[in-house]
PDB file of all heavy atoms in Angstrom:
ATOM      1  N   SER A   1      76.202 156.654  76.633  1.00  0.00           N
ATOM      2  CA  SER A   1      76.017 157.440  77.715  1.00  0.00           C
ATOM      3  C   SER A   1      77.274 158.215  78.122  1.00  0.00           C
ATOM      4  O   SER A   1      78.367 157.841  77.538  1.00  0.00           O
ATOM      5  CB  SER A   1      75.634 156.575  78.994  1.00  0.00           C
ATOM      6  OG  SER A   1      76.618 155.723  79.313  1.00  0.00           O
ATOM      7  N   GLY A   2      77.198 159.124  78.932  1.00  0.00           N
ATOM      8  CA  GLY A   2      78.477 159.765  79.452  1.00  0.00           C
ATOM      9  C   GLY A   2      78.743 161.053  78.623  1.00  0.00           C
ATOM     10  O   GLY A   2      78.264 161.195  77.458  1.00  0.00           O
ATOM     11  N   ARG A   3      79.785 161.788  79.080  1.00  0.00           N
ATOM     12  CA  ARG A   3      79.978 163.084  78.514  1.00  0.00           C
ATOM     13  C   ARG A   3      81.278 163.049  77.627  1.00  0.00           C
ATOM     14  O   ARG A   3      81.660 164.050  77.118  1.00  0.00           O
ATOM     15  CB  ARG A   3      80.219 164.254  79.618  1.00  0.00           C
ATOM     16  CG  ARG A   3      78.960 164.408  80.281  1.00  0.00           C
ATOM     17  CD  ARG A   3      79.280 165.467  81.419  1.00  0.00           C
ATOM     18  NE  ARG A   3      80.181 164.997  82.368  1.00  0.00           N
ATOM     19  CZ  ARG A   3      80.604 165.675  83.463  1.00  0.00           C
ATOM     20  NH1 ARG A   3      80.418 166.900  83.434  1.00  0.00           N
ATOM     21  NH2 ARG A   3      81.448 165.203  84.292  1.00  0.00           N
ATOM     22  N   THR A   4      81.921 161.818  77.610  1.00  0.00           N
ATOM     23  CA  THR A   4      83.213 161.752  76.896  1.00  0.00           C
ATOM     24  C   THR A   4      83.030 160.985  75.585  1.00  0.00           C
ATOM     25  O   THR A   4      84.146 160.641  75.002  1.00  0.00           O
ATOM     26  CB  THR A   4      84.168 161.078  77.744  1.00  0.00           C
ATOM     27  OG1 THR A   4      83.637 159.740  78.099  1.00  0.00           O
ATOM     28  CG2 THR A   4      84.440 161.832  79.004  1.00  0.00           C
ATOM     29  N   PHE A   5      81.991 160.776  74.982  1.00  0.00           N
ATOM     30  CA  PHE A   5      81.698 160.073  73.690  1.00  0.00           C
ATOM     31  C   PHE A   5      82.616 160.778  72.793  1.00  0.00           C
ATOM     32  O   PHE A   5      83.221 159.990  71.895  1.00  0.00           O
ATOM     33  CB  PHE A   5      80.312 160.104  73.254  1.00  0.00           C
ATOM     34  CG  PHE A   5      80.038 159.578  72.001  1.00  0.00           C
ATOM     35  CD1 PHE A   5      80.055 158.148  71.730  1.00  0.00           C
ATOM     36  CD2 PHE A   5      79.619 160.316  70.826  1.00  0.00           C
ATOM     37  CE1 PHE A   5      79.685 157.590  70.485  1.00  0.00           C
ATOM     38  CE2 PHE A   5      79.530 159.806  69.666  1.00  0.00           C
ATOM     39  CZ  PHE A   5      79.532 158.385  69.383  1.00  0.00           C
ATOM     40  N   GLY A   6      82.733 162.042  72.640  1.00  0.00           N
ATOM     41  CA  GLY A   6      83.453 162.748  71.604  1.00  0.00           C
ATOM     42  C   GLY A   6      84.908 162.392  71.705  1.00  0.00           C
ATOM     43  O   GLY A   6      85.630 162.822  70.728  1.00  0.00           O
ATOM     44  N   ASN A   7      85.370 161.842  72.761  1.00  0.00           N
ATOM     45  CA  ASN A   7      86.804 161.543  72.842  1.00  0.00           C
ATOM     46  C   ASN A   7      87.100 160.018  72.500  1.00  0.00           C
ATOM     47  O   ASN A   7      88.309 159.515  72.515  1.00  0.00           O
ATOM     48  CB  ASN A   7      87.262 161.673  74.303  1.00  0.00           C
ATOM     49  CG  ASN A   7      87.172 163.124  74.739  1.00  0.00           C
ATOM     50  OD1 ASN A   7      87.218 164.056  73.989  1.00  0.00           O
ATOM     51  ND2 ASN A   7      86.999 163.264  76.106  1.00  0.00           N
ATOM     52  N   TYR A   8      86.046 159.318  72.042  1.00  0.00           N
ATOM     53  CA  TYR A   8      86.233 157.890  71.666  1.00  0.00           C
ATOM     54  C   TYR A   8      86.337 157.602  70.341  1.00  0.00           C
ATOM     55  O   TYR A   8      85.353 157.977  69.457  1.00  0.00           O
ATOM     56  CB  TYR A   8      85.084 157.138  72.342  1.00  0.00           C
ATOM     57  CG  TYR A   8      85.162 156.912  73.887  1.00  0.00           C
ATOM     58  CD1 TYR A   8      84.956 158.112  74.793  1.00  0.00           C
ATOM     59  CD2 TYR A   8      85.487 155.797  74.446  1.00  0.00           C
ATOM     60  CE1 TYR A   8      85.095 157.964  76.076  1.00  0.00           C
ATOM     61  CE2 TYR A   8      85.597 155.554  75.780  1.00  0.00           C
ATOM     62  CZ  TYR A   8      85.368 156.728  76.626  1.00  0.00           C
ATOM     63  OH  TYR A   8      85.510 156.554  77.900  1.00  0.00           O
ATOM     64  N   ASN A   9      87.223 156.765  69.831  1.00  0.00           N
ATOM     65  CA  ASN A   9      87.208 156.095  68.562  1.00  0.00           C
ATOM     66  C   ASN A   9      86.111 155.028  68.585  1.00  0.00           C
ATOM     67  O   ASN A   9      86.021 154.343  69.625  1.00  0.00           O
ATOM     68  CB  ASN A   9      88.533 155.518  68.228  1.00  0.00           C
ATOM     69  CG  ASN A   9      89.518 156.519  67.862  1.00  0.00           C
ATOM     70  OD1 ASN A   9      89.225 157.849  67.749  1.00  0.00           O
ATOM     71  ND2 ASN A   9      90.786 156.217  67.756  1.00  0.00           N
ATOM     72  N   MET A  10      85.372 154.917  67.618  1.00  0.00           N
ATOM     73  CA  MET A  10      84.260 154.038  67.647  1.00  0.00           C
ATOM     74  C   MET A  10      84.234 153.063  66.346  1.00  0.00           C
ATOM     75  O   MET A  10      84.879 153.361  65.384  1.00  0.00           O
ATOM     76  CB  MET A  10      82.829 154.715  67.590  1.00  0.00           C
ATOM     77  CG  MET A  10      82.621 155.712  68.671  1.00  0.00           C
ATOM     78  SD  MET A  10      82.605 154.876  70.414  1.00  0.00           S
ATOM     79  CE  MET A  10      81.028 153.986  70.157  1.00  0.00           C
ATOM     80  N   ALA A  11      83.535 151.980  66.610  1.00  0.00           N
ATOM     81  CA  ALA A  11      83.528 150.932  65.447  1.00  0.00           C
ATOM     82  C   ALA A  11      82.309 150.113  65.528  1.00  0.00           C
ATOM     83  O   ALA A  11      81.573 150.014  66.600  1.00  0.00           O
ATOM     84  CB  ALA A  11      84.824 150.057  65.681  1.00  0.00           C
ATOM     85  N   TRP A  12      82.031 149.437  64.429  1.00  0.00           N
ATOM     86  CA  TRP A  12      80.996 148.450  64.414  1.00  0.00           C
ATOM     87  C   TRP A  12      81.580 147.022  64.052  1.00  0.00           C
ATOM     88  O   TRP A  12      82.535 147.064  63.067  1.00  0.00           O
ATOM     89  CB  TRP A  12      79.939 148.731  63.238  1.00  0.00           C
ATOM     90  CG  TRP A  12      79.055 149.905  63.601  1.00  0.00           C
ATOM     91  CD1 TRP A  12      79.190 151.232  63.234  1.00  0.00           C
ATOM     92  CD2 TRP A  12      77.876 149.831  64.365  1.00  0.00           C
ATOM     93  NE1 TRP A  12      78.195 151.894  63.604  1.00  0.00           N
ATOM     94  CE2 TRP A  12      77.315 151.183  64.404  1.00  0.00           C
ATOM     95  CE3 TRP A  12      77.204 148.829  64.966  1.00  0.00           C
ATOM     96  CZ2 TRP A  12      76.149 151.432  65.036  1.00  0.00           C
ATOM     97  CZ3 TRP A  12      76.014 149.125  65.716  1.00  0.00           C
ATOM     98  CH2 TRP A  12      75.528 150.389  65.583  1.00  0.00           C
ATOM     99  N   PHE A  13      81.134 146.050  64.733  1.00  0.00           N
ATOM    100  CA  PHE A  13      81.554 144.624  64.378  1.00  0.00           C
ATOM    101  C   PHE A  13      80.364 143.937  64.266  1.00  0.00           C
ATOM    102  O   PHE A  13      79.280 144.393  64.632  1.00  0.00           O
ATOM    103  CB  PHE A  13      82.390 144.182  65.672  1.00  0.00           C
ATOM    104  CG  PHE A  13      83.867 144.475  65.744  1.00  0.00           C
ATOM    105  CD1 PHE A  13      84.086 145.862  66.295  1.00  0.00           C
ATOM    106  CD2 PHE A  13      84.924 143.793  65.357  1.00  0.00           C
ATOM    107  CE1 PHE A  13      85.449 146.327  66.319  1.00  0.00           C
ATOM    108  CE2 PHE A  13      86.250 144.296  65.422  1.00  0.00           C
ATOM    109  CZ  PHE A  13      86.487 145.615  65.924  1.00  0.00           C
ATOM    110  N   ARG A  14      80.540 142.656  63.643  1.00  0.00           N
ATOM    111  CA  ARG A  14      79.377 141.866  63.589  1.00  0.00           C
ATOM    112  C   ARG A  14      79.714 140.380  63.806  1.00  0.00           C
ATOM    113  O   ARG A  14      80.873 140.010  63.581  1.00  0.00           O
ATOM    114  CB  ARG A  14      78.684 141.909  62.207  1.00  0.00           C
ATOM    115  CG  ARG A  14      79.459 141.480  60.997  1.00  0.00           C
ATOM    116  CD  ARG A  14      78.776 141.808  59.724  1.00  0.00           C
ATOM    117  NE  ARG A  14      79.543 141.272  58.532  1.00  0.00           N
ATOM    118  CZ  ARG A  14      79.135 141.628  57.342  1.00  0.00           C
ATOM    119  NH1 ARG A  14      78.170 142.350  57.027  1.00  0.00           N
ATOM    120  NH2 ARG A  14      79.866 140.947  56.353  1.00  0.00           N
ATOM    121  N   GLN A  15      78.774 139.563  64.185  1.00  0.00           N
ATOM    122  CA  GLN A  15      78.909 138.096  64.389  1.00  0.00           C
ATOM    123  C   GLN A  15      77.729 137.365  63.790  1.00  0.00           C
ATOM    124  O   GLN A  15      76.658 137.489  64.348  1.00  0.00           O
ATOM    125  CB  GLN A  15      79.136 137.801  65.840  1.00  0.00           C
ATOM    126  CG  GLN A  15      79.567 136.428  66.063  1.00  0.00           C
ATOM    127  CD  GLN A  15      80.052 136.023  67.373  1.00  0.00           C
ATOM    128  OE1 GLN A  15      79.715 136.762  68.469  1.00  0.00           O
ATOM    129  NE2 GLN A  15      80.804 135.083  67.755  1.00  0.00           N
ATOM    130  N   ALA A  16      78.117 136.690  62.783  1.00  0.00           N
ATOM    131  CA  ALA A  16      77.184 135.665  62.203  1.00  0.00           C
ATOM    132  C   ALA A  16      77.026 134.474  62.952  1.00  0.00           C
ATOM    133  O   ALA A  16      78.057 133.971  63.574  1.00  0.00           O
ATOM    134  CB  ALA A  16      77.534 135.529  60.709  1.00  0.00           C
ATOM    135  N   PRO A  17      75.931 133.666  62.716  1.00  0.00           N
ATOM    136  CA  PRO A  17      75.804 132.421  63.393  1.00  0.00           C
ATOM    137  C   PRO A  17      76.908 131.492  63.121  1.00  0.00           C
ATOM    138  O   PRO A  17      77.243 131.290  61.932  1.00  0.00           O
ATOM    139  CB  PRO A  17      74.458 131.875  62.972  1.00  0.00           C
ATOM    140  CG  PRO A  17      73.731 133.102  62.567  1.00  0.00           C
ATOM    141  CD  PRO A  17      74.868 134.062  62.000  1.00  0.00           C
ATOM    142  N   GLY A  18      77.568 130.911  64.093  1.00  0.00           N
ATOM    143  CA  GLY A  18      78.604 129.927  63.914  1.00  0.00           C
ATOM    144  C   GLY A  18      79.975 130.478  63.494  1.00  0.00           C
ATOM    145  O   GLY A  18      80.835 129.762  63.166  1.00  0.00           O
ATOM    146  N   LYS A  19      80.035 131.831  63.404  1.00  0.00           N
ATOM    147  CA  LYS A  19      81.247 132.492  62.991  1.00  0.00           C
ATOM    148  C   LYS A  19      81.843 133.427  64.135  1.00  0.00           C
ATOM    149  O   LYS A  19      81.127 133.728  65.022  1.00  0.00           O
ATOM    150  CB  LYS A  19      81.052 133.277  61.702  1.00  0.00           C
ATOM    151  CG  LYS A  19      80.620 132.421  60.507  1.00  0.00           C
ATOM    152  CD  LYS A  19      80.688 133.279  59.183  1.00  0.00           C
ATOM    153  CE  LYS A  19      80.306 132.452  58.061  1.00  0.00           C
ATOM    154  NZ  LYS A  19      80.219 133.359  56.710  1.00  0.00           N
ATOM    155  N   GLU A  20      83.133 133.834  63.923  1.00  0.00           N
ATOM    156  CA  GLU A  20      83.763 134.684  64.779  1.00  0.00           C
ATOM    157  C   GLU A  20      83.283 136.155  64.630  1.00  0.00           C
ATOM    158  O   GLU A  20      82.891 136.365  63.450  1.00  0.00           O
ATOM    159  CB  GLU A  20      85.211 134.581  64.795  1.00  0.00           C
ATOM    160  CG  GLU A  20      85.862 133.343  65.246  1.00  0.00           C
ATOM    161  CD  GLU A  20      87.377 133.293  65.328  1.00  0.00           C
ATOM    162  OE1 GLU A  20      87.885 134.238  64.688  1.00  0.00           O
ATOM    163  OE2 GLU A  20      87.900 132.292  65.738  1.00  0.00           O
ATOM    164  N   ARG A  21      83.335 136.884  65.545  1.00  0.00           N
ATOM    165  CA  ARG A  21      83.049 138.363  65.367  1.00  0.00           C
ATOM    166  C   ARG A  21      83.949 138.980  64.452  1.00  0.00           C
ATOM    167  O   ARG A  21      85.313 138.646  64.513  1.00  0.00           O
ATOM    168  CB  ARG A  21      82.927 139.013  66.740  1.00  0.00           C
ATOM    169  CG  ARG A  21      82.366 140.390  66.682  1.00  0.00           C
ATOM    170  CD  ARG A  21      81.858 140.885  68.095  1.00  0.00           C
ATOM    171  NE  ARG A  21      82.737 140.748  69.025  1.00  0.00           N
ATOM    172  CZ  ARG A  21      82.496 141.014  70.381  1.00  0.00           C
ATOM    173  NH1 ARG A  21      81.234 141.306  70.743  1.00  0.00           N
ATOM    174  NH2 ARG A  21      83.409 140.980  71.287  1.00  0.00           N
ATOM    175  N   GLU A  22      83.492 139.854  63.561  1.00  0.00           N
ATOM    176  CA  GLU A  22      84.461 140.431  62.543  1.00  0.00           C
ATOM    177  C   GLU A  22      84.187 141.928  62.417  1.00  0.00           C
ATOM    178  O   GLU A  22      83.123 142.506  62.755  1.00  0.00           O
ATOM    179  CB  GLU A  22      84.306 139.811  61.198  1.00  0.00           C
ATOM    180  CG  GLU A  22      82.816 140.121  60.587  1.00  0.00           C
ATOM    181  CD  GLU A  22      82.763 139.542  59.130  1.00  0.00           C
ATOM    182  OE1 GLU A  22      83.670 138.777  58.698  1.00  0.00           O
ATOM    183  OE2 GLU A  22      81.651 139.716  58.565  1.00  0.00           O
ATOM    184  N   PHE A  23      85.182 142.650  62.044  1.00  0.00           N
ATOM    185  CA  PHE A  23      85.251 144.067  61.885  1.00  0.00           C
ATOM    186  C   PHE A  23      84.406 144.489  60.712  1.00  0.00           C
ATOM    187  O   PHE A  23      84.402 143.916  59.653  1.00  0.00           O
ATOM    188  CB  PHE A  23      86.675 144.570  61.737  1.00  0.00           C
ATOM    189  CG  PHE A  23      86.814 145.958  61.338  1.00  0.00           C
ATOM    190  CD1 PHE A  23      86.628 147.029  62.257  1.00  0.00           C
ATOM    191  CD2 PHE A  23      87.156 146.354  60.053  1.00  0.00           C
ATOM    192  CE1 PHE A  23      86.780 148.362  61.890  1.00  0.00           C
ATOM    193  CE2 PHE A  23      87.278 147.677  59.592  1.00  0.00           C
ATOM    194  CZ  PHE A  23      87.107 148.748  60.632  1.00  0.00           C
ATOM    195  N   VAL A  24      83.568 145.645  60.856  1.00  0.00           N
ATOM    196  CA  VAL A  24      82.855 146.101  59.771  1.00  0.00           C
ATOM    197  C   VAL A  24      83.332 147.588  59.394  1.00  0.00           C
ATOM    198  O   VAL A  24      83.645 147.746  58.152  1.00  0.00           O
ATOM    199  CB  VAL A  24      81.320 146.197  60.241  1.00  0.00           C
ATOM    200  CG1 VAL A  24      80.560 146.936  59.134  1.00  0.00           C
ATOM    201  CG2 VAL A  24      80.757 144.754  60.601  1.00  0.00           C
ATOM    202  N   ALA A  25      83.388 148.427  60.392  1.00  0.00           N
ATOM    203  CA  ALA A  25      83.778 149.743  60.057  1.00  0.00           C
ATOM    204  C   ALA A  25      84.224 150.476  61.255  1.00  0.00           C
ATOM    205  O   ALA A  25      83.867 150.172  62.479  1.00  0.00           O
ATOM    206  CB  ALA A  25      82.613 150.518  59.516  1.00  0.00           C
ATOM    207  N   ALA A  26      85.013 151.596  61.239  1.00  0.00           N
ATOM    208  CA  ALA A  26      85.464 152.339  62.326  1.00  0.00           C
ATOM    209  C   ALA A  26      85.591 153.821  61.979  1.00  0.00           C
ATOM    210  O   ALA A  26      85.663 154.193  60.813  1.00  0.00           O
ATOM    211  CB  ALA A  26      86.863 151.784  62.839  1.00  0.00           C
ATOM    212  N   ILE A  27      85.491 154.559  62.996  1.00  0.00           N
ATOM    213  CA  ILE A  27      85.550 156.106  62.889  1.00  0.00           C
ATOM    214  C   ILE A  27      86.352 156.732  64.016  1.00  0.00           C
ATOM    215  O   ILE A  27      86.111 156.240  65.175  1.00  0.00           O
ATOM    216  CB  ILE A  27      84.089 156.708  62.698  1.00  0.00           C
ATOM    217  CG1 ILE A  27      84.209 158.158  62.275  1.00  0.00           C
ATOM    218  CG2 ILE A  27      83.328 156.497  63.945  1.00  0.00           C
ATOM    219  CD1 ILE A  27      82.841 158.736  61.820  1.00  0.00           C
ATOM    220  N   THR A  28      87.241 157.673  63.766  1.00  0.00           N
ATOM    221  CA  THR A  28      87.969 158.287  64.821  1.00  0.00           C
ATOM    222  C   THR A  28      87.067 159.351  65.560  1.00  0.00           C
ATOM    223  O   THR A  28      85.954 159.566  65.103  1.00  0.00           O
ATOM    224  CB  THR A  28      89.173 159.010  64.273  1.00  0.00           C
ATOM    225  OG1 THR A  28      88.704 159.807  63.131  1.00  0.00           O
ATOM    226  CG2 THR A  28      90.178 157.903  63.785  1.00  0.00           C
ATOM    227  N   TRP A  29      87.506 159.730  66.690  1.00  0.00           N
ATOM    228  CA  TRP A  29      86.782 160.576  67.514  1.00  0.00           C
ATOM    229  C   TRP A  29      86.177 161.750  66.857  1.00  0.00           C
ATOM    230  O   TRP A  29      85.000 162.206  67.213  1.00  0.00           O
ATOM    231  CB  TRP A  29      87.599 160.994  68.824  1.00  0.00           C
ATOM    232  CG  TRP A  29      88.826 161.891  68.337  1.00  0.00           C
ATOM    233  CD1 TRP A  29      90.013 161.511  67.866  1.00  0.00           C
ATOM    234  CD2 TRP A  29      88.804 163.371  68.391  1.00  0.00           C
ATOM    235  NE1 TRP A  29      90.784 162.576  67.634  1.00  0.00           N
ATOM    236  CE2 TRP A  29      89.999 163.736  67.867  1.00  0.00           C
ATOM    237  CE3 TRP A  29      87.892 164.370  68.685  1.00  0.00           C
ATOM    238  CZ2 TRP A  29      90.381 165.075  67.798  1.00  0.00           C
ATOM    239  CZ3 TRP A  29      88.107 165.620  68.552  1.00  0.00           C
ATOM    240  CH2 TRP A  29      89.404 166.001  68.133  1.00  0.00           C
ATOM    241  N   GLY A  30      86.874 162.381  65.995  1.00  0.00           N
ATOM    242  CA  GLY A  30      86.347 163.654  65.305  1.00  0.00           C
ATOM    243  C   GLY A  30      85.734 163.255  63.947  1.00  0.00           C
ATOM    244  O   GLY A  30      85.224 164.190  63.245  1.00  0.00           O
ATOM    245  N   GLY A  31      85.752 162.108  63.530  1.00  0.00           N
ATOM    246  CA  GLY A  31      85.189 161.676  62.266  1.00  0.00           C
ATOM    247  C   GLY A  31      86.071 161.883  61.074  1.00  0.00           C
ATOM    248  O   GLY A  31      85.656 161.738  59.988  1.00  0.00           O
TER     249      GLY A  31
END
């Protein structure tokens, strides 16, 4: 939501059962 998504660096993380959340992938604001 919001009008500033294009200014945000974004990422995906994941958390498996019984494990800590871990990094998957990231992308900068402009890709």
